[in-house]
Amino acid sequence: MKKIIAPVDFSDAAYHTALFAADMAEFYGAELWLYHAYENTIPLTEYGYSYVSIPQLQETAEQELELVKTKIQSALRRTISIITRAENSPLAQGLSELCNELQPDMVVMGLSGKNALTRLVVGSNTLNAVHQLLYPVLVVPPGAEFVPVRKIGFACDYKKVLETTPVKPLKKLVHDLNAELFVLNIEDVNESVAFNKVKESRYAGELLQELKPSYQTIVSAGISNGINWFAAKEKIDWVVVVPKKHPLIEKIFTESHTKDLLHHTKLPVLCIHE
């Protein structure tokens, strides 16, 4: 693992996520990038419109990033490489361009904020990144603390396995972290197992044979419930999911599953595209 990006909006939630990313960078010897994107808006006050120039916004953002950098560095046991970047850009566009430039191992983001509006905005930004970025996005739940990753659970629905399984990123992740892989299939308690899943599970076995994973089928009322139960039982450190790109109707259901898992799991969730 060489490079990690952590977007920062200067909220407490963003600081917690950036500190998680810093702990990870320290343990794995990676470089950490703290990134802030701002847009030039003209706020309306009781005295009329207030204008702040781009240079002023840039200077303020850079100063705030330096404060976050200093605070994070002081919380670590040893010095790591932390680079900061602030720019005038919509977050999604700026983050995508930065990823294309740096080709990071992952982007680390959070879901929660200090109030209802912040939770909505932060959650929306994170979910947008999950579905739009071509690089792995690690979603860190509130209160999660970094621990060395020993066990990874890969949530696989045994649908279109050959087309959608991110084999190369999964292999890199398992090798980089020296972790044990569990392939998790969650079956709804009220539904029967489709015959086609038997064939698809064989494909998964062939694709991931090199990693020697443990295969588990869990019957549960809900995807997040099943994953959380198994994670607690086996002490899984991270869960890996694939935000799939399918036709509109299937995409709606797939995205709702991903969103449900991200909002209800107690574990960091790593989203890797097919």
Protein backbone atom coordinates (compact mmCIF):
# COMPACT_ATOMS: atom_id res chain seq x y z
CA MET A 1 0.00 0.00 0.00
CA LYS A 2 1.53 3.30 -1.14
CA LYS A 3 -1.03 6.14 -1.24
CA ILE A 4 -4.22 6.92 0.67
CA ILE A 5 -6.51 9.92 0.10
CA ALA A 6 -8.76 11.30 2.85
CA PRO A 7 -11.16 14.12 1.87
CA VAL A 8 -11.50 16.70 4.65
CA ASP A 9 -14.35 19.20 5.18
CA PHE A 10 -13.08 20.32 8.64
CA SER A 11 -15.94 18.64 10.53
CA ASP A 12 -15.34 16.39 13.55
CA ALA A 13 -16.51 13.41 11.48
CA ALA A 14 -14.00 14.18 8.72
CA TYR A 15 -11.19 14.54 11.28
CA HIS A 16 -12.06 11.14 12.77
CA THR A 17 -11.98 9.58 9.30
CA ALA A 18 -8.69 11.28 8.42
CA LEU A 19 -7.15 10.04 11.69
CA PHE A 20 -8.31 6.51 10.82
CA ALA A 21 -6.62 6.90 7.42
CA ALA A 22 -3.46 8.22 9.12
CA ASP A 23 -3.31 5.25 11.49
CA MET A 24 -3.63 2.97 8.49
CA ALA A 25 -0.93 4.87 6.59
CA GLU A 26 1.36 4.64 9.60
CA PHE A 27 0.89 0.89 9.98
CA TYR A 28 1.27 0.02 6.29
CA GLY A 29 3.92 2.62 5.46
CA ALA A 30 1.75 4.60 3.04
CA GLU A 31 1.65 8.26 2.05
CA LEU A 32 -1.45 10.17 3.19
CA TRP A 33 -3.10 12.93 1.15
CA LEU A 34 -5.55 15.27 2.92
CA TYR A 35 -7.82 16.79 0.30
CA HIS A 36 -10.30 19.68 0.54
CA ALA A 37 -12.51 20.89 -2.30
CA TYR A 38 -14.38 24.19 -2.02
CA GLU A 39 -16.61 26.14 -4.34
CA ASN A 40 -16.78 29.93 -4.67
CA THR A 41 -20.24 30.85 -3.41
CA ILE A 42 -21.62 34.29 -2.63
CA PRO A 43 -23.54 34.06 0.68
CA LEU A 44 -26.44 36.39 1.39
CA THR A 45 -26.28 38.23 4.72
CA GLU A 46 -28.67 40.73 6.33
CA TYR A 47 -26.54 43.48 4.82
CA GLY A 48 -26.59 42.09 1.28
CA TYR A 49 -24.25 39.81 -0.60
CA SER A 50 -20.87 39.03 0.91
CA TYR A 51 -18.04 38.24 -1.48
CA VAL A 52 -14.93 36.23 -0.66
CA SER A 53 -12.29 35.97 -3.37
CA ILE A 54 -10.83 32.70 -4.63
CA PRO A 55 -7.35 33.58 -3.27
CA GLN A 56 -8.86 34.21 0.16
CA LEU A 57 -10.73 30.91 0.10
CA GLN A 58 -7.62 29.09 -1.08
CA GLU A 59 -5.44 30.59 1.65
CA THR A 60 -7.98 29.79 4.36
CA ALA A 61 -8.41 26.21 3.14
CA GLU A 62 -4.66 25.65 3.03
CA GLN A 63 -4.26 27.02 6.56
CA GLU A 64 -7.06 24.80 7.87
CA LEU A 65 -5.54 21.76 6.20
CA GLU A 66 -2.19 22.48 7.80
CA LEU A 67 -3.88 22.63 11.21
CA VAL A 68 -5.53 19.26 10.57
CA LYS A 69 -2.21 17.84 9.37
CA THR A 70 -0.42 19.02 12.51
CA LYS A 71 -3.15 17.67 14.79
CA ILE A 72 -3.14 14.29 13.07
CA GLN A 73 0.63 14.01 13.05
CA SER A 74 0.80 14.74 16.78
CA ALA A 75 -1.67 11.90 17.42
CA LEU A 76 0.54 9.30 15.69
CA ARG A 77 3.39 7.32 17.21
CA ARG A 78 5.80 8.17 14.40
CA THR A 79 6.11 10.71 11.61
CA ILE A 80 4.51 9.82 8.29
CA SER A 81 4.36 11.58 4.94
CA ILE A 82 1.24 13.79 4.88
CA ILE A 83 0.55 15.97 1.84
CA THR A 84 -2.28 18.51 1.71
CA ARG A 85 -4.16 19.88 -1.27
CA ALA A 86 -7.00 22.38 -1.46
CA GLU A 87 -8.66 23.54 -4.65
CA ASN A 88 -11.67 25.33 -6.06
CA SER A 89 -13.70 22.44 -7.43
CA PRO A 90 -16.84 20.39 -6.84
CA LEU A 91 -15.82 17.53 -4.56
CA ALA A 92 -16.75 14.71 -6.95
CA GLN A 93 -14.86 16.24 -9.87
CA GLY A 94 -11.81 17.25 -7.85
CA LEU A 95 -11.55 13.92 -6.09
CA SER A 96 -11.86 12.02 -9.35
CA GLU A 97 -9.11 14.09 -10.96
CA LEU A 98 -6.84 13.68 -7.94
CA CYS A 99 -7.35 9.91 -8.02
CA ASN A 100 -6.49 9.81 -11.71
CA GLU A 101 -3.33 11.76 -10.96
CA LEU A 102 -2.17 9.82 -7.89
CA GLN A 103 -3.72 6.38 -8.56
CA PRO A 104 -4.17 5.76 -4.81
CA ASP A 105 -4.65 2.38 -3.21
CA MET A 106 -7.86 3.72 -1.68
CA VAL A 107 -9.91 6.75 -0.71
CA VAL A 108 -11.05 6.83 2.93
CA MET A 109 -14.35 8.57 3.69
CA GLY A 110 -16.96 8.70 6.49
CA LEU A 111 -20.73 8.74 6.60
CA SER A 112 -21.77 10.68 9.67
CA GLY A 113 -21.67 14.36 10.59
CA LYS A 114 -22.35 16.42 13.71
CA ASN A 115 -25.89 17.40 12.75
CA ALA A 116 -28.70 16.28 10.45
CA LEU A 117 -27.65 18.51 7.55
CA THR A 118 -24.00 17.49 7.79
CA ARG A 119 -24.96 13.81 7.98
CA LEU A 120 -27.04 14.25 4.83
CA VAL A 121 -24.28 16.06 2.91
CA VAL A 122 -21.42 13.85 4.10
CA GLY A 123 -23.43 10.70 3.47
CA SER A 124 -24.42 11.91 0.01
CA ASN A 125 -20.82 12.78 -0.90
CA THR A 126 -19.59 9.39 0.27
CA LEU A 127 -22.26 7.43 -1.58
CA ASN A 128 -21.57 9.43 -4.73
CA ALA A 129 -17.88 8.60 -4.42
CA VAL A 130 -18.68 4.92 -3.87
CA HIS A 131 -20.63 4.70 -7.12
CA GLN A 132 -18.60 7.09 -9.27
CA LEU A 133 -14.91 6.72 -8.38
CA LEU A 134 -12.99 4.00 -10.19
CA TYR A 135 -10.73 3.52 -7.18
CA PRO A 136 -11.47 1.61 -3.95
CA VAL A 137 -13.39 3.68 -1.38
CA LEU A 138 -13.17 2.66 2.28
CA VAL A 139 -16.23 3.90 4.20
CA VAL A 140 -15.50 4.32 7.91
CA PRO A 141 -18.49 4.25 10.30
CA PRO A 142 -18.71 6.62 13.28
CA GLY A 143 -16.52 5.56 16.20
CA ALA A 144 -14.51 2.98 14.26
CA GLU A 145 -10.83 2.75 15.17
CA PHE A 146 -8.17 1.35 12.89
CA VAL A 147 -6.86 -2.12 13.68
CA PRO A 148 -4.46 -4.14 11.52
CA VAL A 149 -6.57 -6.06 9.00
CA ARG A 150 -6.37 -9.80 9.51
CA LYS A 151 -9.75 -10.97 8.17
CA ILE A 152 -11.68 -9.62 5.17
CA GLY A 153 -15.25 -10.56 4.30
CA PHE A 154 -16.15 -10.30 0.60
CA ALA A 155 -19.94 -10.00 0.18
CA CYS A 156 -20.82 -11.94 -2.98
CA ASP A 157 -24.40 -12.45 -4.20
CA TYR A 158 -23.39 -15.13 -6.76
CA LYS A 159 -24.87 -13.18 -9.64
CA LYS A 160 -22.83 -12.57 -12.81
CA VAL A 161 -19.71 -13.63 -10.92
CA LEU A 162 -17.46 -13.78 -13.99
CA GLU A 163 -18.47 -10.28 -15.11
CA THR A 164 -18.57 -8.50 -11.76
CA THR A 165 -15.97 -10.00 -9.39
CA PRO A 166 -13.02 -7.57 -8.96
CA VAL A 167 -10.45 -10.35 -8.96
CA LYS A 168 -7.29 -8.28 -9.44
CA PRO A 169 -8.11 -5.65 -6.74
CA LEU A 170 -9.18 -8.41 -4.34
CA LYS A 171 -5.92 -10.29 -4.84
CA LYS A 172 -3.90 -7.10 -4.36
CA LEU A 173 -5.85 -6.23 -1.21
CA VAL A 174 -5.41 -9.67 0.38
CA HIS A 175 -1.71 -9.79 -0.50
CA ASP A 176 -0.98 -6.19 0.56
CA LEU A 177 -2.70 -6.65 3.93
CA ASN A 178 -1.61 -10.27 4.37
CA ALA A 179 -5.20 -11.03 5.34
CA GLU A 180 -7.50 -14.06 5.35
CA LEU A 181 -10.44 -13.90 2.92
CA PHE A 182 -14.01 -15.01 3.62
CA VAL A 183 -16.51 -15.09 0.75
CA LEU A 184 -19.92 -14.29 2.23
CA ASN A 185 -23.23 -15.06 0.53
CA ILE A 186 -26.31 -13.78 2.35
CA GLU A 187 -29.56 -15.63 1.65
CA ASP A 188 -32.89 -14.11 2.64
CA VAL A 189 -34.63 -16.25 5.22
CA ASN A 190 -37.88 -16.05 3.22
CA GLU A 191 -36.46 -17.02 -0.18
CA SER A 192 -35.30 -20.30 -1.67
CA VAL A 193 -31.80 -20.65 -3.10
CA ALA A 194 -31.75 -20.20 -6.89
CA PHE A 195 -30.27 -23.14 -8.80
CA ASN A 196 -28.14 -20.74 -10.85
CA LYS A 197 -26.26 -19.72 -7.69
CA VAL A 198 -24.67 -23.18 -7.51
CA LYS A 199 -23.04 -22.63 -10.89
CA GLU A 200 -22.07 -19.05 -10.01
CA SER A 201 -20.49 -20.19 -6.74
CA ARG A 202 -18.26 -22.56 -8.75
CA TYR A 203 -17.12 -19.61 -10.85
CA ALA A 204 -16.21 -17.75 -7.67
CA GLY A 205 -14.20 -20.72 -6.50
CA GLU A 206 -12.24 -20.81 -9.74
CA LEU A 207 -11.58 -17.06 -9.84
CA LEU A 208 -10.44 -16.81 -6.22
CA GLN A 209 -8.73 -20.19 -5.89
CA GLU A 210 -5.29 -18.61 -5.48
CA LEU A 211 -6.44 -16.79 -2.33
CA LYS A 212 -7.76 -19.97 -0.66
CA PRO A 213 -10.80 -18.23 0.86
CA SER A 214 -13.36 -19.68 3.25
CA TYR A 215 -16.85 -19.79 1.71
CA GLN A 216 -19.83 -19.03 3.93
CA THR A 217 -23.57 -18.91 3.21
CA ILE A 218 -25.58 -17.06 5.86
CA VAL A 219 -29.36 -17.16 6.10
CA SER A 220 -30.58 -13.85 7.48
CA ALA A 221 -33.41 -11.32 7.42
CA GLY A 222 -31.46 -8.58 5.63
CA ILE A 223 -27.99 -8.25 4.10
CA SER A 224 -26.51 -5.94 6.74
CA ASN A 225 -27.89 -8.09 9.58
CA GLY A 226 -26.30 -11.21 8.14
CA ILE A 227 -22.94 -9.56 7.49
CA ASN A 228 -22.83 -7.92 10.93
CA TRP A 229 -23.69 -11.23 12.62
CA PHE A 230 -20.97 -13.15 10.78
CA ALA A 231 -18.43 -10.34 11.26
CA ALA A 232 -18.98 -10.38 15.01
CA LYS A 233 -18.79 -14.19 15.12
CA GLU A 234 -15.58 -14.48 13.10
CA LYS A 235 -14.04 -11.12 14.08
CA ILE A 236 -13.99 -9.79 10.51
CA ASP A 237 -12.09 -6.48 10.26
CA TRP A 238 -13.34 -5.14 6.88
CA VAL A 239 -16.19 -5.97 4.55
CA VAL A 240 -15.69 -5.69 0.77
CA VAL A 241 -18.67 -4.98 -1.49
CA VAL A 242 -19.08 -4.33 -5.22
CA PRO A 243 -21.42 -1.43 -6.16
CA LYS A 244 -22.57 -3.03 -9.40
CA LYS A 245 -23.52 -1.26 -12.61
CA HIS A 246 -26.55 -2.87 -14.19
CA PRO A 247 -29.69 -1.74 -16.02
CA LEU A 248 -31.79 0.89 -14.24
CA ILE A 249 -34.19 -1.31 -12.24
CA GLU A 250 -31.50 -3.69 -11.02
CA LYS A 251 -29.22 -0.76 -10.30
CA ILE A 252 -31.82 0.81 -8.02
CA PHE A 253 -32.07 -2.36 -5.94
CA THR A 254 -28.33 -2.94 -5.91
CA GLU A 255 -27.58 0.61 -4.80
CA SER A 256 -30.21 0.41 -2.06
CA HIS A 257 -28.51 -2.72 -0.73
CA THR A 258 -25.15 -0.97 -0.73
CA LYS A 259 -26.60 2.08 0.99
CA ASP A 260 -28.36 -0.06 3.59
CA LEU A 261 -25.14 -1.89 4.38
CA LEU A 262 -23.07 1.30 4.63
CA HIS A 263 -25.54 2.95 7.00
CA HIS A 264 -26.05 -0.07 9.27
CA THR A 265 -22.78 -1.96 9.44
CA LYS A 266 -20.41 -1.42 12.36
CA LEU A 267 -17.38 -2.23 10.24
CA PRO A 268 -15.36 -0.33 7.66
CA VAL A 269 -16.74 -1.19 4.20
CA LEU A 270 -14.39 -1.23 1.21
CA CYS A 271 -16.20 -0.61 -2.07
CA ILE A 272 -14.42 -1.97 -5.15
CA HIS A 273 -15.84 -1.69 -8.66
CA GLU A 274 -16.18 -4.71 -10.91
